Structures are given as C-alpha cells and as structure tokens.
C-alpha atoms as a PDB file:
ATOM      1  CA  MET A   1      41.377  37.475 -11.381  1.00  0.00           C
ATOM      2  CA  ASN A   2      43.024  34.184 -10.456  1.00  0.00           C
ATOM      3  CA  ARG A   3      41.276  30.811 -10.701  1.00  0.00           C
ATOM      4  CA  GLN A   4      40.722  30.565  -6.963  1.00  0.00           C
ATOM      5  CA  ALA A   5      39.105  33.980  -6.780  1.00  0.00           C
ATOM      6  CA  ALA A   6      36.927  33.231  -9.780  1.00  0.00           C
ATOM      7  CA  ASP A   7      35.702  30.087  -8.088  1.00  0.00           C
ATOM      8  CA  LEU A   8      34.338  32.068  -5.136  1.00  0.00           C
ATOM      9  CA  ILE A   9      30.743  33.157  -5.500  1.00  0.00           C
ATOM     10  CA  GLU A  10      30.504  36.634  -4.004  1.00  0.00           C
ATOM     11  CA  LEU A  11      26.844  36.703  -3.065  1.00  0.00           C
ATOM     12  CA  PRO A  12      25.680  39.986  -1.495  1.00  0.00           C
ATOM     13  CA  SER A  13      25.350  39.760   2.252  1.00  0.00           C
ATOM     14  CA  GLU A  14      21.816  40.356   3.523  1.00  0.00           C
ATOM     15  CA  ARG A  15      23.268  42.484   6.304  1.00  0.00           C
ATOM     16  CA  ASN A  16      24.675  44.966   3.770  1.00  0.00           C
ATOM     17  CA  ARG A  17      21.828  45.114   1.298  1.00  0.00           C
ATOM     18  CA  PRO A  18      20.232  48.523   0.617  1.00  0.00           C
ATOM     19  CA  GLY A  19      17.025  49.102   2.494  1.00  0.00           C
ATOM     20  CA  ARG A  20      14.641  48.748  -0.389  1.00  0.00           C
ATOM     21  CA  PRO A  21      11.352  46.855  -0.479  1.00  0.00           C
ATOM     22  CA  ALA A  22      11.774  43.321  -1.774  1.00  0.00           C
ATOM     23  CA  VAL A  23       9.717  42.456  -4.835  1.00  0.00           C
ATOM     24  CA  ALA A  24       8.600  38.884  -5.347  1.00  0.00           C
ATOM     25  CA  ARG A  25       9.755  37.401  -8.627  1.00  0.00           C
ATOM     26  CA  ALA A  26       7.997  34.766 -10.631  1.00  0.00           C
ATOM     27  CA  PRO A  27       9.802  31.430 -10.480  1.00  0.00           C
ATOM     28  CA  ARG A  28      12.719  31.438 -12.930  1.00  0.00           C
ATOM     29  CA  VAL A  29      13.975  28.293 -14.630  1.00  0.00           C
ATOM     30  CA  THR A  30      17.381  27.848 -16.212  1.00  0.00           C
ATOM     31  CA  GLU A  31      17.399  24.964 -18.670  1.00  0.00           C
ATOM     32  CA  SER A  32      20.248  22.546 -18.212  1.00  0.00           C
ATOM     33  CA  PRO A  33      22.431  21.919 -21.273  1.00  0.00           C
ATOM     34  CA  THR A  34      23.106  18.370 -20.136  1.00  0.00           C
ATOM     35  CA  THR A  35      22.284  15.382 -22.323  1.00  0.00           C
ATOM     36  CA  THR A  36      21.480  13.246 -19.283  1.00  0.00           C
ATOM     37  CA  PRO A  37      18.027  11.646 -19.475  1.00  0.00           C
ATOM     38  CA  PRO A  38      15.424  13.980 -17.841  1.00  0.00           C
ATOM     39  CA  GLU A  39      14.539  11.504 -15.108  1.00  0.00           C
ATOM     40  CA  GLU A  40      18.202  11.479 -13.965  1.00  0.00           C
ATOM     41  CA  VAL A  41      18.702  15.263 -13.861  1.00  0.00           C
ATOM     42  CA  LEU A  42      18.769  16.615 -10.315  1.00  0.00           C
ATOM     43  CA  ARG A  43      16.114  19.294  -9.890  1.00  0.00           C
ATOM     44  CA  VAL A  44      17.365  22.109  -7.667  1.00  0.00           C
ATOM     45  CA  LEU A  45      15.154  24.839  -6.215  1.00  0.00           C
ATOM     46  CA  VAL A  46      17.069  28.024  -5.395  1.00  0.00           C
ATOM     47  CA  VAL A  47      15.244  30.172  -2.830  1.00  0.00           C
ATOM     48  CA  GLU A  48      17.018  33.535  -2.998  1.00  0.00           C
ATOM     49  CA  SER A  49      15.519  37.033  -2.676  1.00  0.00           C
ATOM     50  CA  ASP A  50      18.429  38.817  -4.385  1.00  0.00           C
ATOM     51  CA  ALA A  51      17.949  38.653  -8.162  1.00  0.00           C
ATOM     52  CA  ARG A  52      21.652  38.950  -9.049  1.00  0.00           C
ATOM     53  CA  SER A  53      22.690  36.240  -6.599  1.00  0.00           C
ATOM     54  CA  ALA A  54      19.975  33.919  -7.895  1.00  0.00           C
ATOM     55  CA  GLU A  55      21.032  34.500 -11.525  1.00  0.00           C
ATOM     56  CA  ILE A  56      24.693  33.709 -10.784  1.00  0.00           C
ATOM     57  CA  LEU A  57      23.750  30.541  -8.956  1.00  0.00           C
ATOM     58  CA  LEU A  58      21.290  29.396 -11.635  1.00  0.00           C
ATOM     59  CA  GLN A  59      23.900  29.821 -14.359  1.00  0.00           C
ATOM     60  CA  GLY A  60      26.525  27.939 -12.356  1.00  0.00           C
ATOM     61  CA  LEU A  61      24.185  25.043 -11.621  1.00  0.00           C
ATOM     62  CA  ALA A  62      23.034  24.840 -15.240  1.00  0.00           C
ATOM     63  CA  ARG A  63      26.651  24.580 -16.406  1.00  0.00           C
ATOM     64  CA  GLN A  64      27.037  21.592 -14.084  1.00  0.00           C
ATOM     65  CA  GLY A  65      24.025  19.845 -15.630  1.00  0.00           C
ATOM     66  CA  TYR A  66      21.406  20.575 -12.977  1.00  0.00           C
ATOM     67  CA  ALA A  67      17.827  21.600 -13.741  1.00  0.00           C
ATOM     68  CA  ALA A  68      17.703  24.789 -11.681  1.00  0.00           C
ATOM     69  CA  GLN A  69      14.703  26.932 -10.780  1.00  0.00           C
ATOM     70  CA  SER A  70      14.593  29.982  -8.521  1.00  0.00           C
ATOM     71  CA  VAL A  71      11.945  31.687  -6.420  1.00  0.00           C
ATOM     72  CA  SER A  72      12.302  34.814  -4.290  1.00  0.00           C
ATOM     73  CA  THR A  73       9.850  34.374  -1.397  1.00  0.00           C
ATOM     74  CA  GLY A  74       9.059  31.853   1.298  1.00  0.00           C
ATOM     75  CA  ALA A  75       5.499  31.447   0.072  1.00  0.00           C
ATOM     76  CA  GLN A  76       6.727  30.583  -3.426  1.00  0.00           C
ATOM     77  CA  ALA A  77       9.208  28.122  -1.935  1.00  0.00           C
ATOM     78  CA  LEU A  78       6.463  26.326  -0.035  1.00  0.00           C
ATOM     79  CA  GLN A  79       4.536  25.918  -3.274  1.00  0.00           C
ATOM     80  CA  ALA A  80       7.491  24.899  -5.458  1.00  0.00           C
ATOM     81  CA  HIS A  81       9.558  22.589  -3.244  1.00  0.00           C
ATOM     82  CA  GLY A  82       7.424  19.550  -4.113  1.00  0.00           C
ATOM     83  CA  ASN A  83       8.915  19.565  -7.629  1.00  0.00           C
ATOM     84  CA  ALA A  84      12.531  19.697  -6.415  1.00  0.00           C
ATOM     85  CA  ASP A  85      15.044  17.026  -5.438  1.00  0.00           C
ATOM     86  CA  LEU A  86      17.113  19.517  -3.433  1.00  0.00           C
ATOM     87  CA  VAL A  87      16.452  22.998  -2.007  1.00  0.00           C
ATOM     88  CA  LEU A  88      19.101  25.703  -1.585  1.00  0.00           C
ATOM     89  CA  LEU A  89      17.436  27.991   0.935  1.00  0.00           C
ATOM     90  CA  ASP A  90      18.369  31.575   1.785  1.00  0.00           C
ATOM     91  CA  LEU A  91      17.229  32.262   5.362  1.00  0.00           C
ATOM     92  CA  ASP A  92      16.562  35.982   4.851  1.00  0.00           C
ATOM     93  CA  LEU A  93      13.412  36.272   2.761  1.00  0.00           C
ATOM     94  CA  PRO A  94      10.989  39.190   2.320  1.00  0.00           C
ATOM     95  CA  ASP A  95       7.854  37.454   3.598  1.00  0.00           C
ATOM     96  CA  LEU A  96       8.722  34.504   5.849  1.00  0.00           C
ATOM     97  CA  ASP A  97      11.754  33.715   7.963  1.00  0.00           C
ATOM     98  CA  GLY A  98      13.860  31.038   6.300  1.00  0.00           C
ATOM     99  CA  LEU A  99      13.846  28.903   9.435  1.00  0.00           C
ATOM    100  CA  GLU A 100      10.045  28.825   9.323  1.00  0.00           C
ATOM    101  CA  VAL A 101      10.154  27.835   5.658  1.00  0.00           C
ATOM    102  CA  CYS A 102      12.662  25.083   6.433  1.00  0.00           C
ATOM    103  CA  ARG A 103      10.505  23.699   9.249  1.00  0.00           C
ATOM    104  CA  SER A 104       7.438  23.764   7.015  1.00  0.00           C
ATOM    105  CA  ILE A 105       9.191  21.847   4.225  1.00  0.00           C
ATOM    106  CA  ARG A 106      10.559  19.310   6.671  1.00  0.00           C
ATOM    107  CA  ALA A 107       7.108  18.821   8.217  1.00  0.00           C
ATOM    108  CA  VAL A 108       5.624  17.501   4.985  1.00  0.00           C
ATOM    109  CA  CYS A 109       8.488  15.867   3.099  1.00  0.00           C
ATOM    110  CA  ASP A 110      12.066  14.625   3.243  1.00  0.00           C
ATOM    111  CA  THR A 111      13.407  16.779   0.415  1.00  0.00           C
ATOM    112  CA  PRO A 112      16.974  17.727   1.417  1.00  0.00           C
ATOM    113  CA  VAL A 113      17.546  21.375   2.289  1.00  0.00           C
ATOM    114  CA  ILE A 114      20.863  23.222   2.374  1.00  0.00           C
ATOM    115  CA  ALA A 115      20.715  26.600   4.111  1.00  0.00           C
ATOM    116  CA  VAL A 116      22.781  29.106   2.109  1.00  0.00           C
ATOM    117  CA  THR A 117      22.943  32.325   4.093  1.00  0.00           C
ATOM    118  CA  ALA A 118      24.970  35.226   5.484  1.00  0.00           C
ATOM    119  CA  ARG A 119      23.971  34.272   9.031  1.00  0.00           C
ATOM    120  CA  ASP A 120      27.313  33.018  10.280  1.00  0.00           C
ATOM    121  CA  SER A 121      27.207  32.692  14.082  1.00  0.00           C
ATOM    122  CA  GLU A 122      27.339  29.337  15.852  1.00  0.00           C
ATOM    123  CA  LEU A 123      23.785  29.930  17.129  1.00  0.00           C
ATOM    124  CA  ASP A 124      22.586  30.596  13.567  1.00  0.00           C
ATOM    125  CA  ARG A 125      24.065  27.288  12.430  1.00  0.00           C
ATOM    126  CA  VAL A 126      22.514  25.408  15.331  1.00  0.00           C
ATOM    127  CA  LEU A 127      19.076  26.947  14.697  1.00  0.00           C
ATOM    128  CA  GLY A 128      19.307  26.149  10.982  1.00  0.00           C
ATOM    129  CA  LEU A 129      20.164  22.507  11.583  1.00  0.00           C
ATOM    130  CA  GLN A 130      17.526  22.195  14.291  1.00  0.00           C
ATOM    131  CA  ALA A 131      14.945  23.607  11.846  1.00  0.00           C
ATOM    132  CA  GLY A 132      15.634  20.659   9.568  1.00  0.00           C
ATOM    133  CA  ALA A 133      18.418  21.801   7.238  1.00  0.00           C
ATOM    134  CA  ASP A 134      20.624  18.937   6.073  1.00  0.00           C
ATOM    135  CA  ASP A 135      23.628  21.251   5.743  1.00  0.00           C
ATOM    136  CA  TYR A 136      24.548  24.896   6.327  1.00  0.00           C
ATOM    137  CA  LEU A 137      26.738  27.063   4.086  1.00  0.00           C
ATOM    138  CA  VAL A 138      27.728  30.666   4.826  1.00  0.00           C
ATOM    139  CA  LYS A 139      28.026  33.366   2.136  1.00  0.00           C
ATOM    140  CA  PRO A 140      30.341  34.092   0.389  1.00  0.00           C
ATOM    141  CA  TYR A 141      31.308  30.541  -0.442  1.00  0.00           C
ATOM    142  CA  GLY A 142      33.251  28.620  -3.068  1.00  0.00           C
ATOM    143  CA  PHE A 143      31.060  27.153  -5.771  1.00  0.00           C
ATOM    144  CA  ARG A 144      33.045  23.917  -5.743  1.00  0.00           C
ATOM    145  CA  GLU A 145      32.345  23.587  -2.018  1.00  0.00           C
ATOM    146  CA  LEU A 146      28.622  24.048  -2.665  1.00  0.00           C
ATOM    147  CA  LEU A 147      28.696  21.333  -5.328  1.00  0.00           C
ATOM    148  CA  ALA A 148      30.567  18.995  -2.972  1.00  0.00           C
ATOM    149  CA  ARG A 149      28.029  19.585  -0.212  1.00  0.00           C
ATOM    150  CA  MET A 150      25.138  19.003  -2.606  1.00  0.00           C
ATOM    151  CA  GLU A 151      26.662  15.718  -3.740  1.00  0.00           C
ATOM    152  CA  ALA A 152      27.299  14.620  -0.141  1.00  0.00           C
ATOM    153  CA  VAL A 153      23.715  15.387   0.901  1.00  0.00           C
ATOM    154  CA  MET A 154      22.285  13.541  -2.109  1.00  0.00           C
ATOM    155  CA  ARG A 155      24.474  10.508  -1.392  1.00  0.00           C
ATOM    156  CA  ARG A 156      22.972  10.296   2.090  1.00  0.00           C
ATOM    157  CA  VAL A 157      19.467  10.664   0.658  1.00  0.00           C
ATOM    158  CA  ARG A 158      19.994   7.905  -1.894  1.00  0.00           C
ATOM    159  CA  LEU A 159      21.240   5.562   0.818  1.00  0.00           C
ATOM    160  CA  HIS A 160      17.830   5.836   2.466  1.00  0.00           C
ATOM    161  CA  ALA A 161      15.285   5.008  -0.213  1.00  0.00           C
ATOM    162  CA  THR A 162      12.302   7.203   0.321  1.00  0.00           C
ATOM    163  CA  VAL A 163       8.770   5.856   0.602  1.00  0.00           C
ATOM    164  CA  SER A 164       5.445   7.636   0.525  1.00  0.00           C
ATOM    165  CA  ARG A 165       4.975   9.366   3.821  1.00  0.00           C
ATOM    166  CA  VAL A 166       2.004   8.128   5.815  1.00  0.00           C
ATOM    167  CA  VAL A 167       0.666   9.872   8.908  1.00  0.00           C
ATOM    168  CA  SER A 168      -1.615   8.005  11.331  1.00  0.00           C
ATOM    169  CA  HIS A 169      -3.533   9.708  14.116  1.00  0.00           C
ATOM    170  CA  GLY A 170      -5.980   7.432  15.893  1.00  0.00           C
ATOM    171  CA  ALA A 171      -8.570   6.280  13.375  1.00  0.00           C
ATOM    172  CA  LEU A 172      -7.298   8.817  10.845  1.00  0.00           C
ATOM    173  CA  ARG A 173      -4.701   7.720   8.263  1.00  0.00           C
ATOM    174  CA  ILE A 174      -3.272  10.026   5.606  1.00  0.00           C
ATOM    175  CA  ASP A 175      -1.106   8.795   2.739  1.00  0.00           C
ATOM    176  CA  ALA A 176       0.661  11.800   1.218  1.00  0.00           C
ATOM    177  CA  GLY A 177       2.037   9.816  -1.719  1.00  0.00           C
ATOM    178  CA  ALA A 178      -1.326   8.435  -2.798  1.00  0.00           C
ATOM    179  CA  ARG A 179      -3.148  11.554  -1.537  1.00  0.00           C
ATOM    180  CA  VAL A 180      -5.694   9.392   0.226  1.00  0.00           C
ATOM    181  CA  ALA A 181      -7.200   9.957   3.664  1.00  0.00           C
ATOM    182  CA  THR A 182      -9.166   7.271   5.482  1.00  0.00           C
ATOM    183  CA  LEU A 183     -11.136   7.318   8.723  1.00  0.00           C
ATOM    184  CA  ASP A 184     -11.789   3.932  10.364  1.00  0.00           C
ATOM    185  CA  GLY A 185     -10.642   2.390   7.098  1.00  0.00           C
ATOM    186  CA  GLU A 186     -13.195   4.301   5.018  1.00  0.00           C
ATOM    187  CA  PRO A 187     -11.960   6.860   2.434  1.00  0.00           C
ATOM    188  CA  VAL A 188     -12.751  10.515   3.098  1.00  0.00           C
ATOM    189  CA  ASP A 189     -13.642  12.517  -0.014  1.00  0.00           C
ATOM    190  CA  LEU A 190     -11.465  15.643   0.188  1.00  0.00           C
ATOM    191  CA  THR A 191     -10.672  18.466  -2.205  1.00  0.00           C
ATOM    192  CA  ARG A 192      -7.017  19.270  -2.926  1.00  0.00           C
ATOM    193  CA  LYS A 193      -6.888  22.150  -0.429  1.00  0.00           C
ATOM    194  CA  GLU A 194      -8.771  20.164   2.226  1.00  0.00           C
ATOM    195  CA  PHE A 195      -6.267  17.330   1.882  1.00  0.00           C
ATOM    196  CA  ASP A 196      -3.282  19.696   2.056  1.00  0.00           C
ATOM    197  CA  LEU A 197      -4.697  21.413   5.136  1.00  0.00           C
ATOM    198  CA  LEU A 198      -5.484  18.154   6.917  1.00  0.00           C
ATOM    199  CA  TYR A 199      -2.082  16.687   6.106  1.00  0.00           C
ATOM    200  CA  LEU A 200      -0.311  19.826   7.360  1.00  0.00           C
ATOM    201  CA  LEU A 201      -2.143  19.630  10.690  1.00  0.00           C
ATOM    202  CA  ALA A 202      -1.668  15.855  11.009  1.00  0.00           C
ATOM    203  CA  SER A 203       2.033  15.968  10.148  1.00  0.00           C
ATOM    204  CA  GLN A 204       2.608  18.310  13.083  1.00  0.00           C
ATOM    205  CA  SER A 205       0.242  16.616  15.487  1.00  0.00           C
ATOM    206  CA  GLY A 206       0.038  18.341  18.855  1.00  0.00           C
ATOM    207  CA  MET A 207       1.437  21.597  17.515  1.00  0.00           C
ATOM    208  CA  VAL A 208      -0.537  24.759  16.833  1.00  0.00           C
ATOM    209  CA  ILE A 209      -0.109  25.796  13.196  1.00  0.00           C
ATOM    210  CA  PRO A 210      -0.357  29.597  12.778  1.00  0.00           C
ATOM    211  CA  ARG A 211      -2.809  30.971  10.225  1.00  0.00           C
ATOM    212  CA  ARG A 212       0.055  32.681   8.409  1.00  0.00           C
ATOM    213  CA  GLN A 213       1.888  29.376   7.938  1.00  0.00           C
ATOM    214  CA  ILE A 214      -1.304  27.685   6.744  1.00  0.00           C
ATOM    215  CA  MET A 215      -1.912  30.438   4.199  1.00  0.00           C
ATOM    216  CA  ALA A 216       1.684  30.241   2.976  1.00  0.00           C
ATOM    217  CA  GLN A 217       1.887  26.463   2.743  1.00  0.00           C
ATOM    218  CA  VAL A 218      -1.602  25.540   1.547  1.00  0.00           C
ATOM    219  CA  TRP A 219      -2.527  28.613  -0.474  1.00  0.00           C
ATOM    220  CA  GLY A 220       0.964  29.915  -1.292  1.00  0.00           C
ATOM    221  CA  ASP A 221       0.193  33.382   0.019  1.00  0.00           C
ATOM    222  CA  ALA A 222       1.406  34.613   3.404  1.00  0.00           C
ATOM    223  CA  TRP A 223       0.104  38.166   3.155  1.00  0.00           C
ATOM    224  CA  SER A 224      -2.952  38.669   0.956  1.00  0.00           C
ATOM    225  CA  PRO A 225      -6.187  38.686   2.957  1.00  0.00           C
ATOM    226  CA  ARG A 226      -8.355  35.631   2.356  1.00  0.00           C
ATOM    227  CA  GLY A 227     -11.278  36.459   4.608  1.00  0.00           C
ATOM    228  CA  ARG A 228     -12.578  33.279   6.161  1.00  0.00           C
ATOM    229  CA  THR A 229     -10.999  30.920   3.645  1.00  0.00           C
ATOM    230  CA  ILE A 230      -9.201  28.856   6.300  1.00  0.00           C
ATOM    231  CA  ASP A 231     -12.225  28.800   8.609  1.00  0.00           C
ATOM    232  CA  THR A 232     -14.470  27.632   5.762  1.00  0.00           C
ATOM    233  CA  HIS A 233     -12.135  24.765   4.891  1.00  0.00           C
ATOM    234  CA  VAL A 234     -11.757  23.813   8.560  1.00  0.00           C
ATOM    235  CA  GLY A 235     -15.533  23.722   8.913  1.00  0.00           C
ATOM    236  CA  THR A 236     -15.872  21.491   5.856  1.00  0.00           C
ATOM    237  CA  LEU A 237     -13.147  19.156   7.141  1.00  0.00           C
ATOM    238  CA  ARG A 238     -14.857  18.858  10.525  1.00  0.00           C
ATOM    239  CA  ALA A 239     -18.110  17.924   8.798  1.00  0.00           C
ATOM    240  CA  LYS A 240     -16.459  15.321   6.573  1.00  0.00           C
ATOM    241  CA  LEU A 241     -14.580  13.807   9.531  1.00  0.00           C
ATOM    242  CA  GLY A 242     -17.795  13.694  11.551  1.00  0.00           C
ATOM    243  CA  SER A 243     -16.631  15.701  14.572  1.00  0.00           C
ATOM    244  CA  SER A 244     -15.583  19.262  15.370  1.00  0.00           C
ATOM    245  CA  GLU A 245     -13.027  17.805  17.793  1.00  0.00           C
ATOM    246  CA  TRP A 246     -10.786  16.642  14.949  1.00  0.00           C
ATOM    247  CA  ILE A 247      -9.565  20.202  14.357  1.00  0.00           C
ATOM    248  CA  LEU A 248      -9.301  22.579  17.300  1.00  0.00           C
ATOM    249  CA  THR A 249      -9.188  26.365  17.036  1.00  0.00           C
ATOM    250  CA  VAL A 250      -6.570  28.172  19.107  1.00  0.00           C
ATOM    251  CA  ARG A 251      -7.917  31.715  19.213  1.00  0.00           C
ATOM    252  CA  GLY A 252      -5.602  34.400  17.938  1.00  0.00           C
ATOM    253  CA  ILE A 253      -3.046  31.887  16.668  1.00  0.00           C
ATOM    254  CA  GLY A 254      -4.306  29.090  14.423  1.00  0.00           C
ATOM    255  CA  PHE A 255      -5.360  25.445  14.514  1.00  0.00           C
ATOM    256  CA  ARG A 256      -4.157  22.034  15.703  1.00  0.00           C
ATOM    257  CA  LEU A 257      -5.270  18.461  15.272  1.00  0.00           C
ATOM    258  CA  GLY A 258      -7.461  17.216  18.098  1.00  0.00           C
ATOM    259  CA  HIS A 259      -8.441  13.880  19.697  1.00  0.00           C
ATOM    260  CA  PRO A 260     -12.168  13.149  19.171  1.00  0.00           C
END
C-alpha cells in the first residue's frame, strides 16, 4: 500500500452496510499520548454508529494529540457534546437523524460541528450546512484533509471569543453559562432538568419542540417510554413561572414557549 492510499480512511458507507440492528455503545474514550497541558488539548467527540470506523478515527486522532471520545447514537451525542470542543458527526445514526442532532446542538451552544458522512449529493451538503454544520466532509476521505478542516474550523472559532449564551424572552432571562433563570429580575429556583427543558424551549422561541427531541436532549433517551415525565416537568415549570401561558402544549407534537 502506498503512502497516499494509507492516508485515506476507508470508512464503510452507510448505504452499503448490512441490514443489522444497530446497538448503542457506551461512550468510548481514547487517551491522547500528548504531553500538552490538559487545558490545551482539543476535546473531540466522534459520533459514529459503526464501531470499526469509530475505532480507526479515535486511534488516528489520539496519535495527533487530541482527546477523542466516541458515542454511537444521537441521544448519546446530545448528552456528551457539552464536554467537547469539536464534534465530528455522522448523519446516519440508529435513533435520530444526524441533521436533527446537529440542529439540536446548534440550538443550545456554539460548539463547532463537522458533518462526516456518506451522503454526498449537493442537496445533502446544503441541508447539512443549513442544519448548523460548520463544515461537511464526505466518506471516504483523507485523514490529512480531515485534520486540515478541523484546524480551519477551530481557527474561525478562536477568532470569535465565545461568551456565555444568554436567552431573553420578555421578562424571562436565562443564562446558560451561569445556569441561572430570572423572571422580572427575580431568580427562579429550578432543578437541573427543569432548567435544561426551559432553556431548550427558550433557545428555539416560537418553534414547537417535539417530545422525542425533548426526551433525547434533556433526558438523553429518544426511545424509552417515560410516561408523563415531560408533562410533569412542564407543569412544575408553569407553576414556578406563575402562568400556564409560559409553556404551550401543541397536541400530538410537543411544546413551545408562549407569551404570557
């Protein structure tokens, strides 16, 4: 095998994978051998449902000095992305569509996302970028090209120093960095899940958030039945905010932030 061929990562195409049920894997971490101080190591989350592809990518990133972790489902990605500096996102996942995962990440944070996928049409690229991806790379790809794209994306991110994201909606103000919500200037005492749910709704003000997305993003589970878990938390939030009009139910779909 020549050097050029060896530098090409032959990741299996989702279109040619055997039709077998996908099994969610626990997040896998590959320790970086770098001697760079921990605070300077770039933390990369690999979202890839194919175990072999994920392993190859983790090993390659670790050799380059990155702290790499992998998950195999969209729900796991929505729980783990908060600890990453960069997300490499496969768009074909067993539980959630990758575009939905990308939109959900982008709704709550500015963590850069590179879509790494076998979807190679112009429309696929457009949809990926419109969903919030910072770049789009088609499988199979050269590993050096991936590294160059990662470096380019991170350069753009560093040029725009990030600040804690604050969402304001009328009298309601939510500071995601400080995890503080205030109403008319007064703090609202919220549990962790209540805060996450309220912030999700407020960050996509005017949009209806499906129950499935709420379960995936707030509870990290897109499929397991939770009974009336969401409804209970919505009811508690309405009580703490002093009005049922703050959160509106859209029957058969989900919830959206209202205008009391």
